[in-house]
Amino acid sequence: MKPTHFATAASVFLLLCSPLAAVATAGAPAEDGLLLTRTISPGDGDRFERAEFSCWIPDTKKPVRGVIVHQHGCTNAAPEQHPPVTGDCHWRALARNHDCALLVPMYRVAGACDEWNDPDSGSERALLAALAGFARDAGRAELTDVPWVFWGHSGGSSWSAQMILRHPGRVLAASFRGGCHKQFGSPEFRARFLETSRELPLLFVWGKREAVPSSSHFVSWEPMNAMYRALRLQGSPAGRVVDPRSEHNCDDSRLIIIPFFDAVLSARTAGEKPAGVLVDIATRERRDTTTETLRDPALAWLPTPDLAEHWREFSEHGTLRPVNPRLAPPQLFVDRTLGKSARLAWRISPALDGGLRVVRIHRDGRPWKELGLKPADSLATGRDSPPVSLRAHGLEVDASEPHTYTLTFLDAAGNESPPSAAVHVGP
């Protein structure tokens, strides 16, 4: 029987977090899904120099139901500064919730951004080739034909918009974090996009400081708004949010984008369209849905009432502060094969609206070490990658004396999770 995917067309609607393979506690496996990498070299006519793909699959024993594509913006990718989110616990939690693969392309070019963010430059071919390779490597043939969800930043938004036109009906939802000035600045492109994407849930995200003429990214402001207005005038499910703290960086925007994708995918999994609510961009109040308001560009569309509340809070503060957090206890493992040392490793699945700010390690019932962000730090790098202080998912400890360890984590609001099960380290 063919695996069930998210439906397509009008009815459709898809680290390093994993601890070391040798790590285990109480017989529990330590592996967290399957992480694969692949390099695609340019072919004849391709303009990029090198394309590196990272793919994380939550569970290779289950059918993959979609692919979340996290596409960076212009300038050469710098994995040492902005590693792929295939290693990010927050994005992994979204993918795991919906049996989706998480895919991150990273391109290197010699010159301009269009050497990769124009699909004709070879990036479309590279993406399809990478998916075919990962399908073989993982034994999940459906990776080549399941639908996509696009997250795009700047030039990645431009690429995503073009791919939506080239693969009508295959994309389930998309978020544009700035960008698209050439595409949405073209009346012809807007008309084609309007026809192709009239039923596609979209979220347009900007930074407040790039909405002023002095910003070098202001060039995208009116084209993106023109596209947004055209979609809303025909009643399309398009949302719009301005991050009050940001210029062009991603900052905490994942706290509104990830729940947006989750709400859309949850509805589609249930075989439904998101019910949708309308919010007034100026007043941030909910508005009733009528024939007139459904096509009013002064009102943004959001998939659920919960998302409307998140939208209001994010629009005011540029982050979310969950007051009734649903935090799952993390898992803690220990590898005792290192002689006089041992290695602690952890697996964290944060709440989608709260993310991950701090990891706390407790020894013998008392706080011992803390890894994470300062209160004013954003949850992600400018390209939405995990920040340096949260990239480690393991820690070497002295095993010459007996100690008991547990782990907790804090979300964006400082809410602390329940503790992990205890692990014991000692001679």
Protein backbone atom coordinates (compact mmCIF):
# COMPACT_ATOMS: atom_id res chain seq x y z
CA MET A 1 0.00 0.00 0.00
CA LYS A 2 1.38 3.41 -0.94
CA PRO A 3 2.25 5.60 2.11
CA THR A 4 -0.30 8.30 2.93
CA HIS A 5 1.00 11.83 2.35
CA PHE A 6 -0.59 15.21 2.90
CA ALA A 7 -3.12 15.61 0.08
CA THR A 8 -2.16 17.81 -2.86
CA ALA A 9 -3.76 20.58 -4.96
CA ALA A 10 -6.97 22.02 -3.54
CA SER A 11 -7.27 19.14 -1.06
CA VAL A 12 -3.62 19.17 0.18
CA PHE A 13 -2.06 20.59 2.03
CA LEU A 14 5.74 19.14 5.50
CA LEU A 15 21.72 19.16 14.36
CA LEU A 16 22.90 18.70 16.11
CA CYS A 17 20.19 17.58 18.42
CA SER A 18 20.79 13.89 18.26
CA PRO A 19 22.97 12.53 21.02
CA LEU A 20 25.84 10.24 20.17
CA ALA A 21 24.81 6.79 19.02
CA ALA A 22 26.80 5.18 21.84
CA VAL A 23 24.89 7.10 24.49
CA ALA A 24 22.13 5.26 26.33
CA THR A 25 20.36 5.10 29.64
CA ALA A 26 18.02 2.45 31.01
CA GLY A 27 18.19 0.68 27.66
CA ALA A 28 16.64 3.62 25.77
CA PRO A 29 18.02 4.29 22.28
CA ALA A 30 19.82 7.60 22.02
CA GLU A 31 19.44 8.21 18.29
CA ASP A 32 17.08 11.04 17.41
CA GLY A 33 16.00 10.37 13.86
CA LEU A 34 18.35 10.19 10.89
CA LEU A 35 20.62 13.05 9.84
CA LEU A 36 21.98 12.93 6.28
CA THR A 37 24.15 15.25 4.21
CA ARG A 38 24.75 15.45 0.48
CA THR A 39 26.76 17.68 -1.85
CA ILE A 40 25.47 18.47 -5.34
CA SER A 41 28.00 19.71 -7.88
CA PRO A 42 26.94 22.12 -10.61
CA GLY A 43 25.97 20.66 -13.96
CA ASP A 44 26.15 22.15 -17.42
CA GLY A 45 24.59 25.60 -17.33
CA ASP A 46 24.34 25.75 -13.54
CA ARG A 47 25.68 28.95 -12.01
CA PHE A 48 26.24 28.02 -8.38
CA GLU A 49 29.65 26.73 -7.27
CA ARG A 50 28.57 24.20 -4.68
CA ALA A 51 25.30 23.08 -3.08
CA GLU A 52 25.31 21.34 0.29
CA PHE A 53 22.13 19.78 1.63
CA SER A 54 21.33 18.61 5.15
CA CYS A 55 18.24 16.46 5.78
CA TRP A 56 16.80 15.23 9.05
CA ILE A 57 14.07 12.56 9.15
CA PRO A 58 12.36 12.02 12.54
CA ASP A 59 11.66 8.30 12.11
CA THR A 60 12.65 6.28 9.06
CA LYS A 61 10.22 3.52 10.05
CA LYS A 62 7.27 5.85 9.39
CA PRO A 63 6.24 7.34 6.04
CA VAL A 64 7.46 10.87 5.45
CA ARG A 65 4.43 13.06 4.84
CA GLY A 66 6.10 16.26 3.70
CA VAL A 67 9.35 18.23 3.52
CA ILE A 68 9.98 21.48 5.37
CA VAL A 69 12.51 23.45 3.30
CA HIS A 70 14.43 26.08 5.27
CA GLN A 71 16.06 28.33 2.67
CA HIS A 72 18.68 30.92 3.61
CA GLY A 73 19.07 34.31 1.99
CA CYS A 74 21.72 35.97 -0.18
CA THR A 75 25.48 35.99 0.37
CA ASN A 76 27.35 32.73 0.64
CA ALA A 77 26.12 30.30 3.25
CA ALA A 78 28.35 30.22 6.33
CA PRO A 79 27.62 27.00 8.26
CA GLU A 80 30.19 27.83 10.92
CA GLN A 81 28.16 30.96 11.76
CA HIS A 82 24.70 29.78 10.76
CA PRO A 83 24.57 25.97 10.89
CA PRO A 84 21.61 24.15 9.31
CA VAL A 85 18.44 23.98 11.40
CA THR A 86 18.45 20.22 10.86
CA GLY A 87 20.35 20.35 14.15
CA ASP A 88 17.89 22.72 15.84
CA CYS A 89 15.59 21.26 18.52
CA HIS A 90 12.80 23.77 17.84
CA TRP A 91 12.49 23.11 14.09
CA ARG A 92 12.89 19.39 14.75
CA ALA A 93 9.91 19.52 17.10
CA LEU A 94 7.73 20.91 14.29
CA ALA A 95 8.95 18.27 11.81
CA ARG A 96 8.44 15.47 14.33
CA ASN A 97 4.88 16.61 15.09
CA HIS A 98 3.91 16.14 11.43
CA ASP A 99 6.18 13.29 10.26
CA CYS A 100 8.02 15.71 7.98
CA ALA A 101 11.59 15.71 6.82
CA LEU A 102 13.56 18.88 7.54
CA LEU A 103 15.71 19.97 4.59
CA VAL A 104 18.30 22.77 4.49
CA PRO A 105 20.02 23.75 1.23
CA MET A 106 23.20 25.86 1.51
CA TYR A 107 24.69 27.39 -1.65
CA ARG A 108 28.05 28.91 -2.49
CA VAL A 109 28.36 31.28 -5.45
CA ALA A 110 31.13 33.34 -7.00
CA GLY A 111 29.01 36.39 -7.72
CA ALA A 112 25.43 37.52 -7.29
CA CYS A 113 22.50 36.00 -5.43
CA ASP A 114 20.72 35.01 -8.64
CA GLU A 115 23.45 32.40 -9.19
CA TRP A 116 21.39 30.25 -6.84
CA ASN A 117 18.10 31.96 -5.94
CA ASP A 118 16.86 31.85 -9.51
CA PRO A 119 15.66 28.23 -9.86
CA ASP A 120 16.96 28.25 -13.45
CA SER A 121 20.47 28.78 -12.06
CA GLY A 122 20.51 25.10 -11.11
CA SER A 123 19.11 25.31 -7.59
CA GLU A 124 15.84 23.64 -8.58
CA ARG A 125 17.73 20.76 -10.20
CA ALA A 126 19.99 20.50 -7.15
CA LEU A 127 17.03 20.35 -4.78
CA LEU A 128 15.35 17.57 -6.73
CA ALA A 129 18.63 15.66 -7.03
CA ALA A 130 19.26 15.98 -3.29
CA LEU A 131 15.76 14.71 -2.48
CA ALA A 132 16.27 11.72 -4.77
CA GLY A 133 19.58 10.95 -3.07
CA PHE A 134 18.14 11.24 0.42
CA ALA A 135 15.22 9.01 -0.62
CA ARG A 136 17.72 6.30 -1.56
CA ASP A 137 19.90 6.81 1.52
CA ALA A 138 16.97 6.70 3.94
CA GLY A 139 14.93 4.05 2.13
CA ARG A 140 12.01 6.50 1.94
CA ALA A 141 11.07 6.68 -1.72
CA GLU A 142 8.20 9.08 -0.98
CA LEU A 143 10.68 11.90 -0.33
CA THR A 144 10.69 12.58 -4.07
CA ASP A 145 6.96 13.32 -4.33
CA VAL A 146 5.62 14.47 -0.95
CA PRO A 147 4.51 18.13 -0.70
CA TRP A 148 6.66 20.97 0.59
CA VAL A 149 6.51 23.75 3.18
CA PHE A 150 8.78 26.72 2.43
CA TRP A 151 10.50 28.99 4.95
CA GLY A 152 12.44 31.66 3.09
CA HIS A 153 14.58 34.54 4.31
CA SER A 154 15.34 37.43 1.94
CA GLY A 155 16.78 35.80 -1.21
CA GLY A 156 15.30 32.54 0.07
CA SER A 157 11.87 34.16 -0.08
CA SER A 158 12.53 35.09 -3.71
CA TRP A 159 13.51 31.50 -4.48
CA SER A 160 10.45 30.13 -2.63
CA ALA A 161 8.03 32.39 -4.52
CA GLN A 162 9.45 31.24 -7.84
CA MET A 163 9.31 27.58 -6.82
CA ILE A 164 5.65 27.95 -5.86
CA LEU A 165 4.91 29.01 -9.43
CA ARG A 166 6.99 26.20 -10.88
CA HIS A 167 5.33 23.52 -8.74
CA PRO A 168 1.68 24.57 -8.40
CA GLY A 169 -0.25 22.49 -5.89
CA ARG A 170 2.84 20.94 -4.31
CA VAL A 171 3.45 23.60 -1.65
CA LEU A 172 1.31 23.44 1.49
CA ALA A 173 2.30 26.72 3.15
CA ALA A 174 5.06 29.31 2.98
CA SER A 175 6.54 32.09 5.05
CA PHE A 176 8.43 34.98 3.50
CA ARG A 177 10.85 36.77 5.86
CA GLY A 178 11.56 39.84 3.72
CA GLY A 179 12.80 39.64 0.13
CA CYS A 180 10.94 39.11 -3.19
CA HIS A 181 11.39 42.70 -4.38
CA LYS A 182 12.09 41.64 -7.98
CA GLN A 183 9.32 39.05 -8.10
CA PHE A 184 6.56 40.91 -6.28
CA GLY A 185 7.68 44.17 -7.86
CA SER A 186 6.65 42.76 -11.25
CA PRO A 187 2.91 43.11 -12.05
CA GLU A 188 3.18 40.10 -14.37
CA PHE A 189 4.72 37.92 -11.65
CA ARG A 190 2.15 39.11 -9.10
CA ALA A 191 -0.69 38.19 -11.46
CA ARG A 192 0.70 34.70 -11.98
CA PHE A 193 1.39 34.25 -8.27
CA LEU A 194 -2.10 35.46 -7.42
CA GLU A 195 -3.66 32.82 -9.65
CA THR A 196 -1.42 30.00 -8.46
CA SER A 197 -1.51 30.80 -4.74
CA ARG A 198 -5.05 32.01 -4.09
CA GLU A 199 -5.70 29.09 -1.67
CA LEU A 200 -2.18 28.82 -0.22
CA PRO A 201 -1.68 29.81 3.45
CA LEU A 202 1.09 32.43 3.51
CA LEU A 203 2.73 34.47 6.23
CA PHE A 204 4.57 37.69 5.31
CA VAL A 205 7.07 38.74 8.01
CA TRP A 206 9.06 41.98 8.15
CA GLY A 207 11.23 43.81 10.63
CA LYS A 208 9.91 47.22 11.63
CA ARG A 209 13.26 48.89 10.92
CA GLU A 210 13.37 47.63 7.32
CA ALA A 211 10.00 49.32 6.67
CA VAL A 212 11.64 52.76 6.52
CA PRO A 213 13.37 54.33 3.48
CA SER A 214 16.75 54.53 5.24
CA SER A 215 16.97 50.70 5.38
CA SER A 216 18.85 48.95 2.59
CA HIS A 217 16.06 46.35 2.66
CA PHE A 218 13.26 48.88 2.19
CA VAL A 219 13.35 47.93 -1.50
CA SER A 220 11.19 44.89 -0.63
CA TRP A 221 8.65 46.69 1.53
CA GLU A 222 6.21 47.98 -1.09
CA PRO A 223 6.50 44.98 -3.48
CA MET A 224 5.76 42.56 -0.63
CA ASN A 225 2.84 44.70 0.54
CA ALA A 226 1.52 44.94 -3.00
CA MET A 227 1.50 41.14 -3.20
CA TYR A 228 -0.09 40.85 0.23
CA ARG A 229 -2.82 43.35 -0.63
CA ALA A 230 -3.62 41.63 -3.93
CA LEU A 231 -3.98 38.28 -2.16
CA ARG A 232 -6.21 39.65 0.59
CA LEU A 233 -8.41 41.53 -1.91
CA GLN A 234 -9.35 38.16 -3.39
CA GLY A 235 -9.90 36.62 0.05
CA SER A 236 -6.71 34.56 0.14
CA PRO A 237 -5.42 33.11 3.44
CA ALA A 238 -2.50 35.52 3.83
CA GLY A 239 -1.15 36.80 7.14
CA ARG A 240 1.10 39.79 7.78
CA VAL A 241 3.26 40.51 10.82
CA VAL A 242 5.85 43.19 11.57
CA ASP A 243 8.51 42.35 14.14
CA PRO A 244 8.88 45.52 16.25
CA ARG A 245 12.43 44.66 17.35
CA SER A 246 14.02 43.76 14.03
CA GLU A 247 15.55 45.11 10.89
CA HIS A 248 16.29 42.27 8.42
CA ASN A 249 17.44 39.61 10.89
CA CYS A 250 15.23 36.68 11.90
CA ASP A 251 15.54 37.26 15.68
CA ASP A 252 12.54 35.55 17.39
CA SER A 253 10.34 35.37 14.28
CA ARG A 254 10.38 31.57 14.45
CA LEU A 255 8.04 31.89 17.46
CA ILE A 256 5.25 33.03 15.15
CA ILE A 257 6.29 31.18 11.97
CA ILE A 258 6.64 27.70 13.47
CA PRO A 259 3.19 27.81 15.19
CA PHE A 260 1.72 29.13 11.91
CA PHE A 261 3.05 26.09 10.05
CA ASP A 262 1.92 23.80 12.86
CA ALA A 263 -1.66 25.13 12.73
CA VAL A 264 -1.85 24.77 8.95
CA LEU A 265 -0.38 21.27 8.93
CA SER A 266 -2.58 20.15 11.82
CA ALA A 267 -5.70 21.19 9.93
CA ARG A 268 -4.55 19.42 6.79
CA THR A 269 -3.73 16.25 8.72
CA ALA A 270 -7.35 16.27 9.89
CA GLY A 271 -8.46 16.59 6.26
CA GLU A 272 -9.67 20.14 6.78
CA LYS A 273 -8.82 23.67 5.75
CA PRO A 274 -7.80 25.94 8.62
CA ALA A 275 -10.91 27.68 9.92
CA GLY A 276 -9.16 31.04 9.80
CA VAL A 277 -9.67 34.24 11.77
CA LEU A 278 -9.15 37.89 10.84
CA VAL A 279 -7.19 40.47 12.81
CA ASP A 280 -7.01 44.23 12.32
CA ILE A 281 -3.41 45.18 11.55
CA ALA A 282 -3.82 48.68 12.99
CA THR A 283 -5.73 47.89 16.20
CA ARG A 284 -4.60 44.23 16.63
CA GLU A 285 -8.17 43.26 17.46
CA ARG A 286 -10.11 40.26 16.16
CA ARG A 287 -12.72 41.00 13.49
CA ASP A 288 -15.77 39.01 12.45
CA THR A 289 -15.64 37.29 9.09
CA THR A 290 -18.07 38.72 6.55
CA THR A 291 -18.10 38.96 2.77
CA GLU A 292 -16.48 42.38 3.08
CA THR A 293 -13.90 41.67 5.78
CA LEU A 294 -12.80 38.46 4.07
CA ARG A 295 -11.36 40.61 1.27
CA ASP A 296 -10.07 43.52 3.32
CA PRO A 297 -6.26 43.95 3.13
CA ALA A 298 -6.36 45.96 6.37
CA LEU A 299 -7.18 42.63 8.04
CA ALA A 300 -4.64 39.82 8.21
CA TRP A 301 -5.68 36.17 7.99
CA LEU A 302 -4.42 33.69 10.59
CA PRO A 303 -5.29 29.98 10.76
CA THR A 304 -6.62 29.72 14.36
CA PRO A 305 -7.73 31.87 17.30
CA ASP A 306 -4.60 30.78 19.20
CA LEU A 307 -2.46 32.05 16.36
CA ALA A 308 -4.36 35.33 16.47
CA GLU A 309 -3.37 35.74 20.12
CA HIS A 310 0.25 34.84 19.32
CA TRP A 311 0.18 37.33 16.45
CA ARG A 312 -1.01 40.14 18.70
CA GLU A 313 1.65 39.45 21.32
CA PHE A 314 4.43 39.07 18.76
CA SER A 315 3.34 42.25 16.97
CA GLU A 316 3.66 44.14 20.25
CA HIS A 317 6.84 42.59 21.67
CA GLY A 318 8.69 40.75 18.90
CA THR A 319 8.64 37.56 20.95
CA LEU A 320 6.21 35.30 22.81
CA ARG A 321 5.96 34.74 26.55
CA PRO A 322 3.87 31.59 27.10
CA VAL A 323 1.95 31.87 30.38
CA ASN A 324 0.61 28.30 30.39
CA PRO A 325 3.57 26.42 28.95
CA ARG A 326 3.25 22.80 27.89
CA LEU A 327 6.85 21.72 28.40
CA ALA A 328 7.80 18.08 28.03
CA PRO A 329 10.65 16.78 30.19
CA PRO A 330 13.88 16.36 28.22
CA GLN A 331 15.72 13.07 27.90
CA LEU A 332 19.20 12.65 29.36
CA PHE A 333 21.69 9.95 28.40
CA VAL A 334 25.14 8.97 29.58
CA ASP A 335 27.98 7.30 27.68
CA ARG A 336 30.30 5.49 30.10
CA THR A 337 32.76 4.20 27.48
CA LEU A 338 35.23 7.08 27.82
CA GLY A 339 37.44 5.71 30.64
CA LYS A 340 37.80 8.21 33.47
CA SER A 341 35.29 10.52 31.81
CA ALA A 342 31.67 10.12 30.78
CA ARG A 343 29.56 12.07 28.36
CA LEU A 344 26.13 13.44 29.10
CA ALA A 345 23.92 13.99 26.06
CA TRP A 346 20.36 15.23 25.82
CA ARG A 347 17.32 15.35 23.62
CA ILE A 348 14.95 18.32 23.99
CA SER A 349 11.61 18.86 22.27
CA PRO A 350 10.53 22.42 23.14
CA ALA A 351 7.00 23.78 22.85
CA LEU A 352 6.49 25.32 19.43
CA ASP A 353 5.40 28.69 20.82
CA GLY A 354 8.16 28.84 23.43
CA GLY A 355 11.34 27.55 21.85
CA LEU A 356 14.56 26.97 23.74
CA ARG A 357 16.55 29.61 25.65
CA VAL A 358 18.57 27.79 28.33
CA VAL A 359 19.69 24.25 29.17
CA ARG A 360 20.25 23.57 32.87
CA ILE A 361 22.22 20.63 34.21
CA HIS A 362 21.65 19.64 37.83
CA ARG A 363 24.10 17.53 39.81
CA ASP A 364 23.05 15.75 42.97
CA GLY A 365 19.86 17.78 43.09
CA ARG A 366 21.49 21.22 42.76
CA PRO A 367 22.03 23.50 39.73
CA TRP A 368 25.47 22.77 38.32
CA LYS A 369 25.92 24.17 34.78
CA GLU A 370 23.84 26.37 32.52
CA LEU A 371 24.13 26.69 28.75
CA GLY A 372 22.12 29.23 26.82
CA LEU A 373 21.24 32.79 26.04
CA LYS A 374 21.33 36.05 27.92
CA PRO A 375 17.93 37.66 28.60
CA ALA A 376 18.26 40.15 25.74
CA ASP A 377 19.53 37.62 23.18
CA SER A 378 17.37 36.40 20.31
CA LEU A 379 16.49 32.72 20.07
CA ALA A 380 18.27 32.39 16.73
CA THR A 381 21.02 33.89 14.62
CA GLY A 382 20.25 36.45 11.93
CA ARG A 383 19.60 33.53 9.58
CA ASP A 384 17.43 31.63 12.08
CA SER A 385 20.10 29.09 13.02
CA PRO A 386 20.70 27.91 16.60
CA PRO A 387 23.00 30.33 18.44
CA VAL A 388 26.47 29.23 19.52
CA SER A 389 25.56 28.68 23.16
CA LEU A 390 22.82 26.19 22.25
CA ARG A 391 24.65 24.16 19.60
CA ALA A 392 26.21 21.71 22.05
CA HIS A 393 24.02 18.74 22.86
CA GLY A 394 26.44 16.92 25.06
CA LEU A 395 28.95 17.55 27.84
CA GLU A 396 31.92 15.56 29.15
CA VAL A 397 31.95 14.99 32.91
CA ASP A 398 34.37 13.47 35.40
CA ALA A 399 33.45 9.87 36.17
CA SER A 400 35.97 9.33 38.96
CA GLU A 401 33.40 10.26 41.64
CA PRO A 402 29.74 9.23 41.85
CA HIS A 403 27.15 11.85 40.92
CA THR A 404 23.52 11.94 39.83
CA TYR A 405 22.50 14.27 36.99
CA THR A 406 19.19 15.63 35.72
CA LEU A 407 18.38 18.16 33.01
CA THR A 408 15.80 20.92 32.56
CA PHE A 409 15.38 23.66 29.94
CA LEU A 410 13.86 27.13 29.81
CA ASP A 411 11.65 28.54 27.06
CA ALA A 412 11.57 32.10 25.71
CA ALA A 413 9.64 33.30 28.78
CA GLY A 414 11.95 31.61 31.28
CA ASN A 415 9.45 28.85 32.08
CA GLU A 416 11.32 25.76 33.24
CA SER A 417 10.53 22.26 32.04
CA PRO A 418 10.03 19.25 34.29
CA PRO A 419 13.34 17.47 34.93
CA SER A 420 14.61 14.55 32.93
CA ALA A 421 14.94 11.15 34.48
CA ALA A 422 18.13 10.96 36.55
CA VAL A 423 21.30 9.34 35.26
CA HIS A 424 24.15 8.13 37.46
CA VAL A 425 27.83 8.62 36.68
CA GLY A 426 30.69 7.22 38.72
CA PRO A 427 33.40 4.60 39.00
